[in-house]
Protein backbone atom coordinates (compact mmCIF):
# COMPACT_ATOMS: atom_id res chain seq x y z
CA MET A 1 111.20 98.44 83.27
CA ALA A 2 108.22 97.88 84.65
CA TRP A 3 105.21 99.03 87.60
CA LYS A 4 106.60 99.98 90.77
CA LYS A 5 103.79 100.46 93.59
CA LEU A 6 104.43 103.08 96.16
CA ASN A 7 103.51 103.17 99.84
CA GLU A 8 101.50 105.52 101.41
CA GLU A 9 104.88 106.76 103.01
CA GLU A 10 106.36 107.73 99.95
CA TYR A 11 103.82 109.49 98.07
CA ARG A 12 104.67 112.89 99.62
CA GLU A 13 108.40 113.24 98.41
CA TYR A 14 107.69 111.12 95.39
CA PHE A 15 105.31 113.35 93.80
CA ASP A 16 107.19 116.73 95.15
CA SER A 17 109.99 114.78 93.21
CA LEU A 18 108.76 114.05 90.12
CA SER A 19 107.09 117.93 90.00
CA GLN A 20 110.21 119.57 90.35
CA LYS A 21 111.52 117.89 87.36
CA LEU A 22 108.44 118.07 84.84
CA GLY A 23 109.69 121.19 82.83
CA GLU A 24 107.40 121.98 79.94
CA ASN A 25 105.44 118.03 80.02
CA LYS A 26 102.02 118.10 79.29
CA ALA A 27 99.59 115.72 80.83
CA GLU A 28 96.54 113.32 79.69
CA VAL A 29 94.54 111.60 82.44
CA GLU A 30 92.15 108.79 82.28
CA VAL A 31 89.38 108.18 85.09
CA LEU A 32 88.19 104.52 84.54
CA ALA A 33 85.44 103.17 85.82
CA VAL A 34 86.79 99.68 86.49
CA GLY A 35 84.69 96.84 84.51
CA VAL A 36 82.01 99.27 83.11
CA MET A 37 83.42 101.98 80.50
CA GLU A 38 86.53 104.21 80.12
CA GLN A 39 86.44 108.24 80.49
CA GLU A 40 89.17 110.15 79.20
CA GLN A 41 89.29 113.40 81.07
CA THR A 42 91.56 115.08 79.37
CA ALA A 43 93.90 115.35 76.05
CA TRP A 44 96.91 116.08 76.44
CA ILE A 45 97.31 119.37 78.10
CA PRO A 46 99.76 121.11 80.68
CA PHE A 47 100.97 119.19 83.44
CA TRP A 48 102.29 121.53 86.48
CA GLY A 49 102.67 119.08 89.25
CA ILE A 50 101.53 116.11 91.58
CA SER A 51 101.00 115.96 94.94
CA TYR A 52 100.06 114.16 98.46
CA ASP A 53 98.26 115.75 101.27
CA PRO A 54 98.53 112.89 103.76
CA PRO A 55 96.35 114.66 106.76
CA GLU A 56 93.41 114.60 104.05
CA LYS A 57 94.82 111.63 102.29
CA MET A 58 94.13 112.72 98.68
CA ILE A 59 95.77 113.26 96.14
CA SER A 60 95.83 116.15 93.91
CA ILE A 61 96.62 116.21 90.09
CA ILE A 62 97.51 119.82 89.37
CA SER A 63 97.30 121.02 84.88
CA GLU A 64 96.65 124.04 83.18
CA TYR A 65 92.62 123.80 83.10
CA ILE A 66 91.71 121.24 85.57
CA ASP A 67 92.99 120.05 88.50
CA HIS A 68 92.11 116.50 89.73
CA HIS A 69 91.84 115.42 93.50
CA ILE A 70 91.70 111.49 94.17
CA LYS A 71 90.57 110.67 98.34
CA GLN A 72 91.41 108.13 100.64
CA PRO A 73 93.93 106.29 97.42
CA LYS A 74 93.76 102.60 97.92
CA GLU A 75 96.87 101.86 95.92
CA VAL A 76 99.80 104.13 93.62
CA ARG A 77 101.85 102.06 91.20
CA VAL A 78 104.17 103.90 88.58
CA HIS A 79 105.35 103.41 84.94
CA GLU A 80 109.19 103.20 85.09
CA THR A 81 110.92 103.33 81.96
CA ASP A 82 114.47 103.55 80.77
CA ALA A 83 113.27 107.15 79.54
CA GLY A 84 111.51 107.96 83.23
CA VAL A 85 108.50 107.81 84.84
CA ALA A 86 106.17 107.40 81.92
CA ALA A 87 102.17 107.02 83.99
CA ILE A 88 101.11 107.17 87.35
CA GLU A 89 98.06 104.93 88.29
CA ILE A 90 96.31 105.24 91.34
CA ILE A 91 93.24 103.29 92.61
CA GLY A 92 90.76 106.17 94.40
CA GLY A 93 88.87 105.36 97.62
CA ASP A 94 85.91 104.96 95.25
CA GLY A 95 87.28 101.75 93.64
CA PHE A 96 88.01 104.35 90.49
CA LYS A 97 91.33 103.47 88.59
CA HIS A 98 92.72 107.27 87.67
CA VAL A 99 95.96 107.20 84.60
CA LEU A 100 97.70 109.86 84.40
CA LYS A 101 100.03 109.63 81.58
CA LEU A 102 103.20 111.91 80.56
CA LYS A 103 103.78 112.79 76.93
CA ASN A 104 107.53 112.85 77.68
CA PRO A 105 108.69 110.51 80.54
CA VAL A 106 110.36 112.60 83.49
CA LYS A 107 113.77 110.94 84.92
CA MET A 108 113.60 110.78 88.47
């Protein structure tokens, strides 16, 4: 399958649905300074969910060890495979690329 771009109106419902189906999933978050360097923020850690707060225009990635917040997202794309959602790529308002990789894809 391929990458699918989400519209802002879809963020909240999509992320809520994904979070409900996670089970015991583990995830990895990378923050990439596009064109400068790659900085892996975490290794595989228990991933509890992802949410979108429309009034604040903020995406929150919640895990056992960190909460990662992305303000003013410019673009959100999800990588959907036959096995399920394998990754989410978010371009934040600061221009940085945030990549959430799921160790076990989640069927939507």
